[in-house]
N, C-alpha and C. Protein backbone atom coordinates (compact mmCIF):
# COMPACT_ATOMS: atom_id res chain seq x y z
N MET A 1 -24.04 4.63 -31.55
CA MET A 1 -25.03 3.71 -31.01
C MET A 1 -26.10 4.52 -30.29
N PRO A 2 -27.37 4.28 -30.58
CA PRO A 2 -28.43 5.00 -29.86
C PRO A 2 -28.38 4.69 -28.37
N GLU A 3 -28.66 5.68 -27.57
CA GLU A 3 -28.63 5.53 -26.11
C GLU A 3 -29.70 4.55 -25.65
N ALA A 4 -29.29 3.61 -24.83
CA ALA A 4 -30.20 2.65 -24.19
C ALA A 4 -30.14 2.93 -22.69
N PRO A 5 -30.99 3.85 -22.21
CA PRO A 5 -30.86 4.32 -20.82
C PRO A 5 -30.93 3.22 -19.77
N LEU A 6 -31.78 2.24 -19.95
CA LEU A 6 -31.88 1.19 -18.94
C LEU A 6 -30.62 0.33 -18.90
N LEU A 7 -30.06 0.03 -20.07
CA LEU A 7 -28.83 -0.74 -20.11
C LEU A 7 -27.69 0.07 -19.50
N ARG A 8 -27.60 1.34 -19.83
CA ARG A 8 -26.55 2.19 -19.25
C ARG A 8 -26.68 2.21 -17.73
N LEU A 9 -27.90 2.31 -17.23
CA LEU A 9 -28.13 2.31 -15.79
C LEU A 9 -27.67 1.00 -15.16
N GLU A 10 -27.96 -0.12 -15.80
CA GLU A 10 -27.50 -1.42 -15.30
C GLU A 10 -25.97 -1.47 -15.25
N VAL A 11 -25.33 -0.97 -16.29
CA VAL A 11 -23.86 -0.95 -16.34
C VAL A 11 -23.33 -0.04 -15.23
N GLU A 12 -23.92 1.14 -15.06
CA GLU A 12 -23.48 2.06 -14.00
C GLU A 12 -23.57 1.40 -12.63
N VAL A 13 -24.69 0.76 -12.35
CA VAL A 13 -24.88 0.10 -11.05
C VAL A 13 -23.78 -0.95 -10.84
N PHE A 14 -23.47 -1.70 -11.88
CA PHE A 14 -22.43 -2.72 -11.79
C PHE A 14 -21.06 -2.08 -11.52
N LEU A 15 -20.72 -1.01 -12.25
CA LEU A 15 -19.42 -0.36 -12.07
C LEU A 15 -19.32 0.30 -10.70
N TYR A 16 -20.41 0.86 -10.21
CA TYR A 16 -20.41 1.46 -8.87
C TYR A 16 -20.21 0.37 -7.81
N HIS A 17 -20.82 -0.78 -8.03
CA HIS A 17 -20.66 -1.91 -7.10
C HIS A 17 -19.19 -2.36 -7.08
N GLU A 18 -18.60 -2.46 -8.27
CA GLU A 18 -17.18 -2.85 -8.34
C GLU A 18 -16.33 -1.85 -7.55
N ALA A 19 -16.57 -0.56 -7.75
CA ALA A 19 -15.80 0.48 -7.06
C ALA A 19 -15.97 0.37 -5.54
N ALA A 20 -17.18 0.12 -5.08
CA ALA A 20 -17.43 -0.01 -3.64
C ALA A 20 -16.69 -1.21 -3.06
N LEU A 21 -16.66 -2.32 -3.79
CA LEU A 21 -15.92 -3.49 -3.31
C LEU A 21 -14.44 -3.18 -3.15
N LEU A 22 -13.87 -2.46 -4.10
CA LEU A 22 -12.46 -2.10 -4.01
C LEU A 22 -12.21 -1.14 -2.85
N ASP A 23 -13.08 -0.14 -2.68
CA ASP A 23 -12.90 0.82 -1.60
C ASP A 23 -13.06 0.18 -0.23
N ASP A 24 -13.90 -0.83 -0.14
CA ASP A 24 -14.12 -1.53 1.13
C ASP A 24 -13.11 -2.66 1.34
N TRP A 25 -12.17 -2.81 0.39
CA TRP A 25 -11.12 -3.82 0.43
C TRP A 25 -11.72 -5.24 0.50
N ARG A 26 -12.86 -5.43 -0.18
CA ARG A 26 -13.52 -6.73 -0.28
C ARG A 26 -13.03 -7.39 -1.57
N LEU A 27 -11.75 -7.74 -1.57
CA LEU A 27 -11.07 -8.16 -2.78
C LEU A 27 -11.53 -9.51 -3.30
N ASP A 28 -11.91 -10.43 -2.42
CA ASP A 28 -12.41 -11.72 -2.89
C ASP A 28 -13.73 -11.55 -3.64
N GLU A 29 -14.59 -10.67 -3.14
CA GLU A 29 -15.85 -10.40 -3.83
C GLU A 29 -15.60 -9.68 -5.15
N TRP A 30 -14.60 -8.80 -5.15
CA TRP A 30 -14.23 -8.11 -6.39
C TRP A 30 -13.74 -9.12 -7.42
N LEU A 31 -12.89 -10.04 -7.01
CA LEU A 31 -12.36 -11.06 -7.92
C LEU A 31 -13.49 -11.90 -8.51
N ALA A 32 -14.52 -12.15 -7.74
CA ALA A 32 -15.66 -12.96 -8.21
C ALA A 32 -16.43 -12.25 -9.33
N LEU A 33 -16.18 -10.97 -9.56
CA LEU A 33 -16.85 -10.25 -10.65
C LEU A 33 -16.26 -10.59 -12.02
N PHE A 34 -15.12 -11.29 -12.06
CA PHE A 34 -14.42 -11.57 -13.31
C PHE A 34 -14.75 -12.96 -13.84
N THR A 35 -14.70 -13.09 -15.15
CA THR A 35 -14.87 -14.39 -15.79
C THR A 35 -13.53 -15.14 -15.74
N PRO A 36 -13.56 -16.47 -15.84
CA PRO A 36 -12.31 -17.23 -15.81
C PRO A 36 -11.36 -16.90 -16.97
N ASP A 37 -11.89 -16.39 -18.08
CA ASP A 37 -11.05 -16.05 -19.24
C ASP A 37 -10.75 -14.55 -19.32
N CYS A 38 -10.79 -13.87 -18.20
CA CYS A 38 -10.67 -12.41 -18.17
C CYS A 38 -9.26 -11.91 -18.48
N ALA A 39 -9.21 -10.62 -18.75
CA ALA A 39 -7.95 -9.88 -18.88
C ALA A 39 -8.13 -8.54 -18.19
N TYR A 40 -7.10 -8.12 -17.43
CA TYR A 40 -7.10 -6.83 -16.75
C TYR A 40 -5.78 -6.16 -17.11
N VAL A 41 -5.86 -5.01 -17.77
CA VAL A 41 -4.68 -4.34 -18.32
C VAL A 41 -4.62 -2.90 -17.83
N VAL A 42 -3.42 -2.48 -17.43
CA VAL A 42 -3.13 -1.09 -17.14
C VAL A 42 -1.87 -0.74 -17.93
N PRO A 43 -2.03 0.00 -19.04
CA PRO A 43 -0.85 0.36 -19.84
C PRO A 43 0.01 1.41 -19.13
N THR A 44 1.24 1.55 -19.58
CA THR A 44 2.13 2.54 -18.99
C THR A 44 1.67 3.94 -19.36
N THR A 45 2.10 4.92 -18.58
CA THR A 45 1.67 6.30 -18.81
C THR A 45 2.29 6.89 -20.08
N ASP A 46 3.44 6.36 -20.51
CA ASP A 46 4.07 6.89 -21.72
C ASP A 46 3.56 6.22 -22.99
N LEU A 47 2.77 5.15 -22.86
CA LEU A 47 2.23 4.46 -24.02
C LEU A 47 0.80 4.00 -23.70
N PRO A 48 -0.14 4.96 -23.60
CA PRO A 48 -1.50 4.62 -23.16
C PRO A 48 -2.24 3.67 -24.10
N GLU A 49 -1.85 3.61 -25.35
CA GLU A 49 -2.49 2.69 -26.30
C GLU A 49 -1.74 1.37 -26.38
N GLY A 50 -0.77 1.16 -25.47
CA GLY A 50 0.07 -0.02 -25.51
C GLY A 50 -0.71 -1.32 -25.48
N ASP A 51 -0.20 -2.29 -26.23
CA ASP A 51 -0.79 -3.63 -26.32
C ASP A 51 0.12 -4.59 -25.58
N PRO A 52 -0.40 -5.28 -24.55
CA PRO A 52 0.46 -6.17 -23.77
C PRO A 52 1.09 -7.30 -24.59
N ALA A 53 0.58 -7.55 -25.78
CA ALA A 53 1.17 -8.60 -26.62
C ALA A 53 2.57 -8.22 -27.10
N HIS A 54 2.85 -6.90 -27.21
CA HIS A 54 4.19 -6.51 -27.67
C HIS A 54 4.71 -5.23 -27.03
N ASP A 55 4.01 -4.68 -26.05
CA ASP A 55 4.48 -3.48 -25.35
C ASP A 55 4.55 -3.75 -23.85
N ALA A 56 5.42 -3.03 -23.16
CA ALA A 56 5.47 -3.10 -21.70
C ALA A 56 4.23 -2.41 -21.15
N VAL A 57 3.61 -3.00 -20.15
CA VAL A 57 2.45 -2.42 -19.47
C VAL A 57 2.66 -2.56 -17.96
N PHE A 58 1.97 -1.74 -17.19
CA PHE A 58 2.06 -1.87 -15.73
C PHE A 58 1.45 -3.18 -15.26
N ILE A 59 0.28 -3.50 -15.80
CA ILE A 59 -0.44 -4.71 -15.38
C ILE A 59 -0.99 -5.40 -16.61
N ASP A 60 -0.80 -6.70 -16.66
CA ASP A 60 -1.37 -7.56 -17.70
C ASP A 60 -1.75 -8.86 -17.02
N ASP A 61 -2.91 -8.88 -16.38
CA ASP A 61 -3.34 -10.02 -15.57
C ASP A 61 -4.43 -10.82 -16.25
N ASN A 62 -4.32 -12.14 -16.13
CA ASN A 62 -5.44 -13.03 -16.43
C ASN A 62 -6.05 -13.39 -15.07
N TYR A 63 -7.00 -14.31 -15.07
CA TYR A 63 -7.68 -14.63 -13.81
C TYR A 63 -6.70 -15.16 -12.76
N GLU A 64 -5.80 -16.03 -13.17
CA GLU A 64 -4.84 -16.61 -12.22
C GLU A 64 -3.95 -15.54 -11.61
N ARG A 65 -3.47 -14.62 -12.41
CA ARG A 65 -2.63 -13.54 -11.88
C ARG A 65 -3.44 -12.59 -11.00
N LEU A 66 -4.70 -12.36 -11.35
CA LEU A 66 -5.56 -11.54 -10.48
C LEU A 66 -5.74 -12.21 -9.12
N GLN A 67 -5.93 -13.53 -9.13
CA GLN A 67 -6.03 -14.27 -7.87
C GLN A 67 -4.78 -14.07 -7.04
N GLY A 68 -3.62 -14.18 -7.66
CA GLY A 68 -2.36 -13.96 -6.95
C GLY A 68 -2.24 -12.55 -6.42
N ARG A 69 -2.68 -11.58 -7.21
CA ARG A 69 -2.64 -10.17 -6.78
C ARG A 69 -3.52 -9.97 -5.54
N VAL A 70 -4.72 -10.53 -5.57
CA VAL A 70 -5.64 -10.40 -4.43
C VAL A 70 -5.04 -11.07 -3.19
N THR A 71 -4.52 -12.27 -3.35
CA THR A 71 -3.91 -12.99 -2.22
C THR A 71 -2.77 -12.17 -1.63
N ARG A 72 -1.91 -11.63 -2.49
CA ARG A 72 -0.76 -10.84 -2.03
C ARG A 72 -1.22 -9.56 -1.33
N LEU A 73 -2.21 -8.87 -1.90
CA LEU A 73 -2.66 -7.61 -1.29
C LEU A 73 -3.31 -7.83 0.07
N LYS A 74 -3.86 -9.00 0.29
CA LYS A 74 -4.49 -9.30 1.58
C LYS A 74 -3.49 -9.80 2.62
N SER A 75 -2.24 -10.02 2.22
CA SER A 75 -1.23 -10.56 3.13
C SER A 75 -0.26 -9.46 3.56
N ARG A 76 0.65 -9.83 4.42
CA ARG A 76 1.70 -8.90 4.84
C ARG A 76 2.83 -8.81 3.81
N HIS A 77 2.75 -9.62 2.74
CA HIS A 77 3.81 -9.64 1.74
C HIS A 77 3.71 -8.46 0.76
N ALA A 78 2.61 -7.76 0.75
CA ALA A 78 2.47 -6.57 -0.10
C ALA A 78 2.90 -5.37 0.74
N HIS A 79 4.20 -5.15 0.82
CA HIS A 79 4.73 -4.14 1.73
C HIS A 79 4.19 -2.74 1.45
N ARG A 80 3.93 -2.42 0.20
CA ARG A 80 3.38 -1.09 -0.13
C ARG A 80 1.93 -0.96 0.33
N GLU A 81 1.28 -2.08 0.60
CA GLU A 81 -0.13 -2.05 0.98
C GLU A 81 -0.39 -2.75 2.32
N TYR A 82 0.60 -2.75 3.20
CA TYR A 82 0.36 -3.27 4.54
C TYR A 82 0.78 -2.22 5.54
N PRO A 83 -0.12 -1.63 6.29
CA PRO A 83 -1.57 -1.83 6.15
C PRO A 83 -2.07 -1.22 4.84
N SER A 84 -3.23 -1.67 4.42
CA SER A 84 -3.75 -1.28 3.12
C SER A 84 -4.08 0.22 3.06
N SER A 85 -3.89 0.77 1.87
CA SER A 85 -4.26 2.16 1.62
C SER A 85 -5.77 2.30 1.72
N ARG A 86 -6.20 3.50 1.98
CA ARG A 86 -7.62 3.80 1.82
C ARG A 86 -7.78 4.37 0.43
N THR A 87 -8.83 3.95 -0.25
CA THR A 87 -9.08 4.45 -1.60
C THR A 87 -10.51 4.90 -1.73
N ARG A 88 -10.72 5.77 -2.70
CA ARG A 88 -12.07 6.18 -3.08
C ARG A 88 -12.10 6.22 -4.59
N HIS A 89 -12.87 5.29 -5.17
CA HIS A 89 -13.03 5.21 -6.63
C HIS A 89 -14.26 6.02 -7.03
N LEU A 90 -14.06 7.01 -7.88
CA LEU A 90 -15.16 7.79 -8.42
C LEU A 90 -15.29 7.43 -9.90
N VAL A 91 -16.44 6.92 -10.28
CA VAL A 91 -16.68 6.48 -11.64
C VAL A 91 -17.75 7.38 -12.24
N THR A 92 -17.52 7.89 -13.45
CA THR A 92 -18.45 8.82 -14.06
C THR A 92 -18.43 8.68 -15.58
N ASN A 93 -19.31 9.41 -16.24
CA ASN A 93 -19.38 9.44 -17.71
C ASN A 93 -19.46 8.03 -18.30
N VAL A 94 -20.30 7.19 -17.69
CA VAL A 94 -20.47 5.82 -18.15
C VAL A 94 -21.21 5.82 -19.48
N ARG A 95 -20.65 5.10 -20.45
CA ARG A 95 -21.28 4.99 -21.77
C ARG A 95 -21.29 3.54 -22.21
N VAL A 96 -22.38 3.13 -22.83
CA VAL A 96 -22.45 1.83 -23.48
C VAL A 96 -22.01 2.04 -24.92
N LEU A 97 -20.97 1.34 -25.34
CA LEU A 97 -20.42 1.51 -26.68
C LEU A 97 -21.02 0.52 -27.67
N GLN A 98 -21.19 -0.71 -27.23
CA GLN A 98 -21.79 -1.76 -28.05
C GLN A 98 -22.48 -2.75 -27.12
N ALA A 99 -23.51 -3.39 -27.65
CA ALA A 99 -24.21 -4.38 -26.84
C ALA A 99 -24.72 -5.49 -27.74
N SER A 100 -24.60 -6.71 -27.25
CA SER A 100 -25.17 -7.87 -27.90
C SER A 100 -25.82 -8.74 -26.83
N GLU A 101 -26.37 -9.85 -27.24
CA GLU A 101 -26.98 -10.77 -26.27
C GLU A 101 -25.95 -11.29 -25.28
N ALA A 102 -24.68 -11.44 -25.71
CA ALA A 102 -23.66 -12.07 -24.88
C ALA A 102 -22.76 -11.08 -24.14
N GLU A 103 -22.62 -9.86 -24.67
CA GLU A 103 -21.61 -8.96 -24.12
C GLU A 103 -21.99 -7.50 -24.29
N VAL A 104 -21.54 -6.69 -23.35
CA VAL A 104 -21.71 -5.24 -23.41
C VAL A 104 -20.32 -4.62 -23.32
N GLU A 105 -20.02 -3.74 -24.27
CA GLU A 105 -18.78 -2.99 -24.21
C GLU A 105 -19.11 -1.60 -23.67
N ALA A 106 -18.37 -1.18 -22.63
CA ALA A 106 -18.67 0.08 -21.97
C ALA A 106 -17.38 0.86 -21.71
N ALA A 107 -17.54 2.15 -21.49
CA ALA A 107 -16.43 3.04 -21.15
C ALA A 107 -16.87 3.94 -20.01
N ALA A 108 -15.90 4.41 -19.24
CA ALA A 108 -16.20 5.32 -18.14
C ALA A 108 -14.92 6.09 -17.80
N ALA A 109 -15.09 7.21 -17.15
CA ALA A 109 -13.97 7.98 -16.62
C ALA A 109 -13.84 7.65 -15.14
N PHE A 110 -12.61 7.81 -14.60
CA PHE A 110 -12.43 7.54 -13.18
C PHE A 110 -11.42 8.47 -12.56
N VAL A 111 -11.58 8.65 -11.26
CA VAL A 111 -10.56 9.22 -10.39
C VAL A 111 -10.51 8.29 -9.19
N VAL A 112 -9.33 7.79 -8.89
CA VAL A 112 -9.13 6.97 -7.70
C VAL A 112 -8.20 7.74 -6.78
N TYR A 113 -8.70 8.06 -5.60
CA TYR A 113 -7.86 8.71 -4.60
C TYR A 113 -7.28 7.64 -3.69
N ARG A 114 -5.97 7.68 -3.54
CA ARG A 114 -5.28 6.75 -2.64
C ARG A 114 -4.76 7.57 -1.47
N ILE A 115 -5.14 7.16 -0.25
CA ILE A 115 -4.72 7.87 0.95
C ILE A 115 -3.81 6.92 1.74
N ARG A 116 -2.59 7.37 1.96
CA ARG A 116 -1.63 6.51 2.68
C ARG A 116 -0.54 7.39 3.29
N SER A 117 -0.24 7.14 4.54
CA SER A 117 0.85 7.84 5.25
C SER A 117 0.71 9.36 5.17
N GLY A 118 -0.51 9.84 5.32
CA GLY A 118 -0.75 11.28 5.32
C GLY A 118 -0.70 11.92 3.95
N GLN A 119 -0.56 11.15 2.91
CA GLN A 119 -0.50 11.68 1.55
C GLN A 119 -1.74 11.25 0.77
N VAL A 120 -2.20 12.11 -0.14
CA VAL A 120 -3.30 11.79 -1.03
C VAL A 120 -2.78 11.83 -2.46
N ALA A 121 -2.97 10.73 -3.18
CA ALA A 121 -2.50 10.65 -4.56
C ALA A 121 -3.70 10.33 -5.46
N PRO A 122 -4.03 11.22 -6.40
CA PRO A 122 -5.11 10.93 -7.34
C PRO A 122 -4.60 10.20 -8.58
N TYR A 123 -5.30 9.15 -8.96
CA TYR A 123 -5.06 8.43 -10.21
C TYR A 123 -6.23 8.75 -11.11
N ILE A 124 -6.00 9.37 -12.25
CA ILE A 124 -7.06 9.86 -13.13
C ILE A 124 -6.95 9.14 -14.46
N GLY A 125 -8.09 8.72 -15.00
CA GLY A 125 -8.03 8.04 -16.29
C GLY A 125 -9.39 7.60 -16.79
N HIS A 126 -9.36 6.59 -17.65
CA HIS A 126 -10.62 6.08 -18.19
C HIS A 126 -10.56 4.55 -18.31
N TYR A 127 -11.73 3.97 -18.21
CA TYR A 127 -11.89 2.52 -18.28
C TYR A 127 -12.48 2.12 -19.62
N ARG A 128 -12.14 0.91 -20.05
CA ARG A 128 -12.85 0.21 -21.12
C ARG A 128 -13.18 -1.16 -20.56
N TYR A 129 -14.40 -1.57 -20.72
CA TYR A 129 -14.86 -2.86 -20.22
C TYR A 129 -15.49 -3.68 -21.33
N LYS A 130 -15.35 -4.98 -21.24
CA LYS A 130 -16.19 -5.93 -21.95
C LYS A 130 -16.84 -6.75 -20.86
N LEU A 131 -18.15 -6.59 -20.75
CA LEU A 131 -18.92 -7.24 -19.69
C LEU A 131 -19.72 -8.40 -20.28
N ALA A 132 -19.45 -9.60 -19.80
CA ALA A 132 -20.21 -10.77 -20.23
C ALA A 132 -21.54 -10.78 -19.49
N ARG A 133 -22.59 -11.10 -20.21
CA ARG A 133 -23.90 -11.25 -19.56
C ARG A 133 -23.96 -12.67 -19.00
N VAL A 134 -24.11 -12.76 -17.68
CA VAL A 134 -24.12 -14.05 -16.99
C VAL A 134 -25.23 -14.06 -15.95
N ASP A 135 -26.12 -15.03 -16.06
CA ASP A 135 -27.20 -15.22 -15.07
C ASP A 135 -27.95 -13.93 -14.73
N GLY A 136 -28.30 -13.17 -15.73
CA GLY A 136 -29.07 -11.95 -15.52
C GLY A 136 -28.26 -10.77 -15.03
N GLY A 137 -26.95 -10.91 -14.95
CA GLY A 137 -26.08 -9.82 -14.51
C GLY A 137 -24.87 -9.72 -15.40
N PHE A 138 -23.83 -9.13 -14.89
CA PHE A 138 -22.59 -8.96 -15.65
C PHE A 138 -21.42 -9.60 -14.92
N ARG A 139 -20.42 -9.99 -15.70
CA ARG A 139 -19.10 -10.39 -15.20
C ARG A 139 -18.09 -9.72 -16.12
N ILE A 140 -16.96 -9.35 -15.55
CA ILE A 140 -15.94 -8.63 -16.31
C ILE A 140 -15.09 -9.63 -17.11
N ARG A 141 -15.15 -9.51 -18.42
CA ARG A 141 -14.31 -10.33 -19.29
C ARG A 141 -13.02 -9.58 -19.63
N TYR A 142 -13.12 -8.25 -19.70
CA TYR A 142 -11.96 -7.43 -20.04
C TYR A 142 -12.10 -6.09 -19.35
N LYS A 143 -11.03 -5.65 -18.70
CA LYS A 143 -10.99 -4.32 -18.09
C LYS A 143 -9.64 -3.70 -18.41
N ARG A 144 -9.70 -2.47 -18.91
CA ARG A 144 -8.49 -1.71 -19.21
C ARG A 144 -8.62 -0.38 -18.49
N ALA A 145 -7.66 -0.09 -17.63
CA ALA A 145 -7.63 1.18 -16.90
C ALA A 145 -6.45 1.99 -17.43
N THR A 146 -6.75 3.00 -18.24
CA THR A 146 -5.72 3.83 -18.85
C THR A 146 -5.58 5.11 -18.04
N LEU A 147 -4.39 5.34 -17.54
CA LEU A 147 -4.13 6.53 -16.73
C LEU A 147 -3.87 7.73 -17.62
N ASP A 148 -4.41 8.88 -17.25
CA ASP A 148 -4.17 10.12 -17.97
C ASP A 148 -2.93 10.84 -17.44
N LEU A 149 -2.31 10.31 -16.42
CA LEU A 149 -1.12 10.91 -15.83
C LEU A 149 0.05 10.80 -16.79
N GLU A 150 0.94 11.76 -16.74
CA GLU A 150 2.13 11.70 -17.59
C GLU A 150 3.23 10.86 -16.95
N THR A 151 3.19 10.72 -15.63
CA THR A 151 4.20 9.95 -14.91
C THR A 151 3.62 9.50 -13.57
N LEU A 152 4.22 8.49 -12.98
CA LEU A 152 3.82 8.05 -11.63
C LEU A 152 4.82 8.54 -10.58
N ARG A 153 5.66 9.47 -10.94
CA ARG A 153 6.72 9.94 -10.05
C ARG A 153 6.20 10.27 -8.66
N GLU A 154 5.17 11.08 -8.56
CA GLU A 154 4.65 11.47 -7.24
C GLU A 154 3.87 10.35 -6.59
N HIS A 155 3.39 9.41 -7.37
CA HIS A 155 2.60 8.31 -6.83
C HIS A 155 3.47 7.13 -6.40
N GLY A 156 4.61 6.99 -7.01
CA GLY A 156 5.53 5.91 -6.68
C GLY A 156 5.25 4.65 -7.47
N ALA A 157 4.01 4.16 -7.44
CA ALA A 157 3.69 2.89 -8.11
C ALA A 157 2.18 2.73 -8.18
N VAL A 158 1.78 1.74 -8.93
CA VAL A 158 0.37 1.34 -8.93
C VAL A 158 0.28 0.07 -8.07
N SER A 159 0.20 0.26 -6.76
CA SER A 159 0.11 -0.89 -5.87
C SER A 159 -1.33 -1.18 -5.46
N ILE A 160 -2.23 -0.26 -5.78
CA ILE A 160 -3.65 -0.47 -5.52
C ILE A 160 -4.30 -0.99 -6.80
N ILE A 161 -5.52 -1.45 -6.68
CA ILE A 161 -6.25 -1.90 -7.85
C ILE A 161 -7.07 -0.73 -8.37
N LEU A 162 -6.82 -0.38 -9.61
CA LEU A 162 -7.58 0.70 -10.25
C LEU A 162 -8.88 0.11 -10.74
């Protein structure tokens, strides 16, 4: 696909905004970035191409499950995240893969640093997005965060939002 620099810039600004909301723990605002028919998937490290329809994945959320995740992370019931971890999402190598009037498919690389209890754990991987064009902006219809890690042994779990 020929490079569309202005569209790529719009996508970058949107992805940076999403990252800032997560780092600032503004989870309700982050949730508002998703469409009601969304999907958010994080495949397991041993099966990065895994399909939630027939493979085990770490996360396979629709909008309702994302709402529950946000509610839980903001409460004392998320023991791994109370008090909440500090995170820093670094998003780079943003590419527009396909674009139509209704949707933009994009990819990016990420590193998310999680700081908790004196430990720093990096989560490294890449994103795939399907962004719906809504009211002159974007909303996330599909997000897939694929980890490049071979195991979560040192990390313990994915209790933060990638």
